[in-house]
Amino acid sequence: MQQPSITYSKRTIWIHWVSTVLIFGLIYTGINMEHQAVSERKFILYQIHFSLGILVFLLTIIRIIGLCKDRKPKNLYPKKSIRERVRKCVYYGFYISIIWMCVSGLASLFLEGIIHSVQSSNWQDLPEISVDGFHPIMLSHHIMAKMIFLLLLFHISGFVLHLIQKKENTLKRIWFN
């Protein structure tokens, strides 16, 4: 086992921040297309959303592999403390949620019939999903999106609390040198 470092690896740092930007793009496109009627604009948002989702999925897989190989910074809190347990829940919760969001998003392409419009590149082939209700996989995709918001809130709150209480900027662990 490698010794803990002060910062995450460059690979992890780059993937973290690129994924962050892409996830905010996914949130933006997801919210904007959710209640829109079938239109060319909605179709474009779907295309962007799917492309960003595939990129996030690939980056997350690479990051998980990297986390097994790369050195990690030492823990901020004692191993058995409640704060360390909460931090780990948020940390692993992100990975599980992101992987599920990607898998459920890809499955929804087929289960909701969206794949036909993607293949034809014709926005008029886009199904009106809200008429029949969501497939359970698509519904889980929407529920997990709320979980991502909650995890993001915990993630940012943890940073702010650590900054206030310990007067330590933990951002330097995941920031570029």
C-alpha atoms as a PDB file:
ATOM      1  CA  MET A   1       0.000   0.000   0.000  1.00  0.00           C
ATOM      2  CA  GLN A   2       1.288   3.434  -0.917  1.00  0.00           C
ATOM      3  CA  GLN A   3       1.815   6.155   1.663  1.00  0.00           C
ATOM      4  CA  PRO A   4      -0.905   8.820   1.918  1.00  0.00           C
ATOM      5  CA  SER A   5      -0.108  12.091   0.190  1.00  0.00           C
ATOM      6  CA  ILE A   6      -1.175  15.659   0.770  1.00  0.00           C
ATOM      7  CA  THR A   7      -3.255  15.855  -2.423  1.00  0.00           C
ATOM      8  CA  TYR A   8      -5.076  13.559  -4.774  1.00  0.00           C
ATOM      9  CA  SER A   9      -3.339  12.472  -7.967  1.00  0.00           C
ATOM     10  CA  LYS A  10      -3.357  14.767 -10.991  1.00  0.00           C
ATOM     11  CA  ARG A  11      -5.594  12.262 -12.801  1.00  0.00           C
ATOM     12  CA  THR A  12      -8.143  12.334  -9.968  1.00  0.00           C
ATOM     13  CA  ILE A  13      -8.025  16.132  -9.742  1.00  0.00           C
ATOM     14  CA  TRP A  14      -8.586  16.587 -13.483  1.00  0.00           C
ATOM     15  CA  ILE A  15     -11.386  14.019 -13.604  1.00  0.00           C
ATOM     16  CA  HIS A  16     -13.019  15.559 -10.515  1.00  0.00           C
ATOM     17  CA  TRP A  17     -13.205  19.050 -12.010  1.00  0.00           C
ATOM     18  CA  VAL A  18     -14.047  18.027 -15.576  1.00  0.00           C
ATOM     19  CA  SER A  19     -16.791  15.763 -14.206  1.00  0.00           C
ATOM     20  CA  THR A  20     -18.060  18.614 -12.025  1.00  0.00           C
ATOM     21  CA  VAL A  21     -18.473  20.891 -15.039  1.00  0.00           C
ATOM     22  CA  LEU A  22     -20.110  18.101 -17.067  1.00  0.00           C
ATOM     23  CA  ILE A  23     -22.471  17.216 -14.201  1.00  0.00           C
ATOM     24  CA  PHE A  24     -23.604  20.841 -13.959  1.00  0.00           C
ATOM     25  CA  GLY A  25     -24.239  20.663 -17.722  1.00  0.00           C
ATOM     26  CA  LEU A  26     -26.289  17.489 -17.141  1.00  0.00           C
ATOM     27  CA  ILE A  27     -28.271  19.196 -14.387  1.00  0.00           C
ATOM     28  CA  TYR A  28     -28.957  22.202 -16.622  1.00  0.00           C
ATOM     29  CA  THR A  29     -30.045  20.153 -19.644  1.00  0.00           C
ATOM     30  CA  GLY A  30     -32.024  17.690 -17.509  1.00  0.00           C
ATOM     31  CA  ILE A  31     -34.023  20.411 -15.764  1.00  0.00           C
ATOM     32  CA  ASN A  32     -34.639  22.305 -19.021  1.00  0.00           C
ATOM     33  CA  MET A  33     -35.882  19.309 -20.996  1.00  0.00           C
ATOM     34  CA  GLU A  34     -37.917  17.662 -18.244  1.00  0.00           C
ATOM     35  CA  HIS A  35     -41.244  19.450 -18.717  1.00  0.00           C
ATOM     36  CA  GLN A  36     -40.824  20.669 -22.275  1.00  0.00           C
ATOM     37  CA  ALA A  37     -43.122  19.557 -25.043  1.00  0.00           C
ATOM     38  CA  VAL A  38     -41.572  17.572 -27.887  1.00  0.00           C
ATOM     39  CA  SER A  39     -39.664  20.070 -29.996  1.00  0.00           C
ATOM     40  CA  GLU A  40     -36.392  20.562 -31.773  1.00  0.00           C
ATOM     41  CA  ARG A  41     -35.035  22.381 -28.701  1.00  0.00           C
ATOM     42  CA  LYS A  42     -35.902  19.427 -26.454  1.00  0.00           C
ATOM     43  CA  PHE A  43     -34.255  17.060 -28.944  1.00  0.00           C
ATOM     44  CA  ILE A  44     -31.049  19.130 -28.889  1.00  0.00           C
ATOM     45  CA  LEU A  45     -31.106  19.140 -25.084  1.00  0.00           C
ATOM     46  CA  TYR A  46     -31.497  15.330 -25.134  1.00  0.00           C
ATOM     47  CA  GLN A  47     -28.524  14.996 -27.480  1.00  0.00           C
ATOM     48  CA  ILE A  48     -26.368  17.214 -25.273  1.00  0.00           C
ATOM     49  CA  HIS A  49     -27.589  15.425 -22.131  1.00  0.00           C
ATOM     50  CA  PHE A  50     -26.792  11.974 -23.548  1.00  0.00           C
ATOM     51  CA  SER A  51     -23.353  13.042 -24.777  1.00  0.00           C
ATOM     52  CA  LEU A  52     -22.446  14.605 -21.432  1.00  0.00           C
ATOM     53  CA  GLY A  53     -23.822  11.567 -19.599  1.00  0.00           C
ATOM     54  CA  ILE A  54     -21.650   9.162 -21.569  1.00  0.00           C
ATOM     55  CA  LEU A  55     -18.585  11.316 -20.895  1.00  0.00           C
ATOM     56  CA  VAL A  56     -19.349  11.415 -17.154  1.00  0.00           C
ATOM     57  CA  PHE A  57     -19.857   7.635 -17.155  1.00  0.00           C
ATOM     58  CA  LEU A  58     -16.468   7.033 -18.808  1.00  0.00           C
ATOM     59  CA  LEU A  59     -14.690   9.531 -16.548  1.00  0.00           C
ATOM     60  CA  THR A  60     -16.267   7.960 -13.462  1.00  0.00           C
ATOM     61  CA  ILE A  61     -15.087   4.494 -14.487  1.00  0.00           C
ATOM     62  CA  ILE A  62     -11.575   5.868 -15.086  1.00  0.00           C
ATOM     63  CA  ARG A  63     -11.673   7.664 -11.737  1.00  0.00           C
ATOM     64  CA  ILE A  64     -12.742   4.532  -9.874  1.00  0.00           C
ATOM     65  CA  ILE A  65      -9.882   2.595 -11.466  1.00  0.00           C
ATOM     66  CA  GLY A  66      -7.516   5.463 -10.618  1.00  0.00           C
ATOM     67  CA  LEU A  67      -8.663   5.535  -7.006  1.00  0.00           C
ATOM     68  CA  CYS A  68      -7.555   1.923  -6.652  1.00  0.00           C
ATOM     69  CA  LYS A  69      -4.107   2.713  -8.068  1.00  0.00           C
ATOM     70  CA  ASP A  70      -3.317   6.301  -7.055  1.00  0.00           C
ATOM     71  CA  ARG A  71      -2.166   7.635  -3.717  1.00  0.00           C
ATOM     72  CA  LYS A  72      -4.811   9.319  -1.612  1.00  0.00           C
ATOM     73  CA  PRO A  73      -4.481  12.108   0.930  1.00  0.00           C
ATOM     74  CA  LYS A  74      -4.618  11.107   4.581  1.00  0.00           C
ATOM     75  CA  ASN A  75      -8.059  11.105   6.190  1.00  0.00           C
ATOM     76  CA  LEU A  76      -9.319  14.410   7.561  1.00  0.00           C
ATOM     77  CA  TYR A  77     -10.908  12.751  10.585  1.00  0.00           C
ATOM     78  CA  PRO A  78     -10.192   9.700  12.745  1.00  0.00           C
ATOM     79  CA  LYS A  79     -11.158   6.502  10.933  1.00  0.00           C
ATOM     80  CA  LYS A  80     -14.044   5.523  13.241  1.00  0.00           C
ATOM     81  CA  SER A  81     -15.424   9.039  13.820  1.00  0.00           C
ATOM     82  CA  ILE A  82     -18.965   9.928  12.762  1.00  0.00           C
ATOM     83  CA  ARG A  83     -17.611  12.681  10.487  1.00  0.00           C
ATOM     84  CA  GLU A  84     -15.377  10.239   8.633  1.00  0.00           C
ATOM     85  CA  ARG A  85     -18.310   7.853   8.236  1.00  0.00           C
ATOM     86  CA  VAL A  86     -20.511  10.644   6.851  1.00  0.00           C
ATOM     87  CA  ARG A  87     -17.685  11.739   4.530  1.00  0.00           C
ATOM     88  CA  LYS A  88     -17.331   8.189   3.220  1.00  0.00           C
ATOM     89  CA  CYS A  89     -21.099   7.879   2.713  1.00  0.00           C
ATOM     90  CA  VAL A  90     -21.117  11.074   0.654  1.00  0.00           C
ATOM     91  CA  TYR A  91     -17.953  10.046  -1.198  1.00  0.00           C
ATOM     92  CA  TYR A  92     -19.172   6.576  -2.161  1.00  0.00           C
ATOM     93  CA  GLY A  93     -22.737   7.834  -2.536  1.00  0.00           C
ATOM     94  CA  PHE A  94     -21.566  10.042  -5.386  1.00  0.00           C
ATOM     95  CA  TYR A  95     -19.985   7.111  -7.209  1.00  0.00           C
ATOM     96  CA  ILE A  96     -22.994   4.854  -6.753  1.00  0.00           C
ATOM     97  CA  SER A  97     -25.435   7.612  -7.741  1.00  0.00           C
ATOM     98  CA  ILE A  98     -23.444   8.692 -10.783  1.00  0.00           C
ATOM     99  CA  ILE A  99     -23.027   5.120 -12.021  1.00  0.00           C
ATOM    100  CA  TRP A 100     -26.763   4.465 -11.534  1.00  0.00           C
ATOM    101  CA  MET A 101     -27.678   7.742 -13.258  1.00  0.00           C
ATOM    102  CA  CYS A 102     -25.580   6.731 -16.272  1.00  0.00           C
ATOM    103  CA  VAL A 103     -26.895   3.161 -16.426  1.00  0.00           C
ATOM    104  CA  SER A 104     -30.515   4.224 -15.933  1.00  0.00           C
ATOM    105  CA  GLY A 105     -30.117   7.024 -18.482  1.00  0.00           C
ATOM    106  CA  LEU A 106     -28.779   4.622 -21.102  1.00  0.00           C
ATOM    107  CA  ALA A 107     -31.503   2.078 -20.301  1.00  0.00           C
ATOM    108  CA  SER A 108     -34.148   4.802 -20.584  1.00  0.00           C
ATOM    109  CA  LEU A 109     -33.026   5.534 -24.134  1.00  0.00           C
ATOM    110  CA  PHE A 110     -34.348   2.126 -25.100  1.00  0.00           C
ATOM    111  CA  LEU A 111     -37.184   1.659 -22.596  1.00  0.00           C
ATOM    112  CA  GLU A 112     -38.757   5.046 -23.354  1.00  0.00           C
ATOM    113  CA  GLY A 113     -38.262   4.721 -27.135  1.00  0.00           C
ATOM    114  CA  ILE A 114     -35.968   7.746 -27.298  1.00  0.00           C
ATOM    115  CA  ILE A 115     -33.304   5.768 -29.147  1.00  0.00           C
ATOM    116  CA  HIS A 116     -35.377   5.867 -32.374  1.00  0.00           C
ATOM    117  CA  SER A 117     -35.198   9.655 -32.581  1.00  0.00           C
ATOM    118  CA  VAL A 118     -31.483   9.580 -31.740  1.00  0.00           C
ATOM    119  CA  GLN A 119     -30.843   7.065 -34.529  1.00  0.00           C
ATOM    120  CA  SER A 120     -32.964   8.935 -37.064  1.00  0.00           C
ATOM    121  CA  SER A 121     -31.637  12.359 -35.966  1.00  0.00           C
ATOM    122  CA  ASN A 122     -35.205  13.608 -36.299  1.00  0.00           C
ATOM    123  CA  TRP A 123     -36.717  15.477 -33.377  1.00  0.00           C
ATOM    124  CA  GLN A 124     -40.244  14.571 -34.581  1.00  0.00           C
ATOM    125  CA  ASP A 125     -39.536  10.919 -33.700  1.00  0.00           C
ATOM    126  CA  LEU A 126     -39.042  11.893 -30.051  1.00  0.00           C
ATOM    127  CA  PRO A 127     -41.793  10.241 -27.958  1.00  0.00           C
ATOM    128  CA  GLU A 128     -44.007  12.251 -25.621  1.00  0.00           C
ATOM    129  CA  ILE A 129     -42.935  10.471 -22.457  1.00  0.00           C
ATOM    130  CA  SER A 130     -45.051  12.350 -19.936  1.00  0.00           C
ATOM    131  CA  VAL A 131     -48.309  11.198 -21.615  1.00  0.00           C
ATOM    132  CA  ASP A 132     -47.934   7.580 -20.460  1.00  0.00           C
ATOM    133  CA  GLY A 133     -45.836   8.268 -17.379  1.00  0.00           C
ATOM    134  CA  PHE A 134     -42.255   7.260 -16.806  1.00  0.00           C
ATOM    135  CA  HIS A 135     -40.868   3.760 -17.053  1.00  0.00           C
ATOM    136  CA  PRO A 136     -39.666   2.755 -13.541  1.00  0.00           C
ATOM    137  CA  ILE A 137     -36.039   2.988 -14.696  1.00  0.00           C
ATOM    138  CA  MET A 138     -36.602   6.575 -15.886  1.00  0.00           C
ATOM    139  CA  LEU A 139     -38.402   7.316 -12.622  1.00  0.00           C
ATOM    140  CA  SER A 140     -35.375   6.028 -10.693  1.00  0.00           C
ATOM    141  CA  HIS A 141     -33.204   8.299 -12.860  1.00  0.00           C
ATOM    142  CA  HIS A 142     -35.267  11.286 -11.705  1.00  0.00           C
ATOM    143  CA  ILE A 143     -35.173  10.185  -8.060  1.00  0.00           C
ATOM    144  CA  MET A 144     -31.405   9.721  -8.153  1.00  0.00           C
ATOM    145  CA  ALA A 145     -31.053  13.204  -9.641  1.00  0.00           C
ATOM    146  CA  LYS A 146     -32.532  14.504  -6.381  1.00  0.00           C
ATOM    147  CA  MET A 147     -30.020  12.333  -4.489  1.00  0.00           C
ATOM    148  CA  ILE A 148     -27.180  13.960  -6.450  1.00  0.00           C
ATOM    149  CA  PHE A 149     -28.453  17.392  -5.310  1.00  0.00           C
ATOM    150  CA  LEU A 150     -28.536  16.174  -1.704  1.00  0.00           C
ATOM    151  CA  LEU A 151     -25.022  14.695  -1.923  1.00  0.00           C
ATOM    152  CA  LEU A 152     -23.764  17.907  -3.515  1.00  0.00           C
ATOM    153  CA  LEU A 153     -25.261  19.881  -0.625  1.00  0.00           C
ATOM    154  CA  PHE A 154     -23.547  17.566   1.901  1.00  0.00           C
ATOM    155  CA  HIS A 155     -20.278  17.758  -0.039  1.00  0.00           C
ATOM    156  CA  ILE A 156     -20.204  21.563  -0.072  1.00  0.00           C
ATOM    157  CA  SER A 157     -21.454  21.767   3.540  1.00  0.00           C
ATOM    158  CA  GLY A 158     -18.655  19.435   4.649  1.00  0.00           C
ATOM    159  CA  PHE A 159     -16.069  21.661   2.990  1.00  0.00           C
ATOM    160  CA  VAL A 160     -17.528  24.811   4.587  1.00  0.00           C
ATOM    161  CA  LEU A 161     -17.846  23.202   8.052  1.00  0.00           C
ATOM    162  CA  HIS A 162     -14.272  21.937   7.898  1.00  0.00           C
ATOM    163  CA  LEU A 163     -13.086  25.382   6.813  1.00  0.00           C
ATOM    164  CA  ILE A 164     -14.963  27.125   9.651  1.00  0.00           C
ATOM    165  CA  GLN A 165     -14.234  24.634  12.422  1.00  0.00           C
ATOM    166  CA  LYS A 166     -10.680  23.540  11.613  1.00  0.00           C
ATOM    167  CA  LYS A 167      -9.613  26.647   9.662  1.00  0.00           C
ATOM    168  CA  GLU A 168      -8.208  24.303   7.023  1.00  0.00           C
ATOM    169  CA  ASN A 169      -8.873  24.714   3.315  1.00  0.00           C
ATOM    170  CA  THR A 170      -9.536  21.151   2.148  1.00  0.00           C
ATOM    171  CA  LEU A 171      -9.982  22.400  -1.412  1.00  0.00           C
ATOM    172  CA  LYS A 172      -6.188  22.327  -1.766  1.00  0.00           C
ATOM    173  CA  ARG A 173      -6.365  18.503  -1.612  1.00  0.00           C
ATOM    174  CA  ILE A 174      -8.357  18.381  -4.881  1.00  0.00           C
ATOM    175  CA  TRP A 175      -7.047  21.527  -6.599  1.00  0.00           C
ATOM    176  CA  PHE A 176      -4.333  22.014  -9.211  1.00  0.00           C
ATOM    177  CA  ASN A 177      -0.849  22.917  -7.980  1.00  0.00           C
END
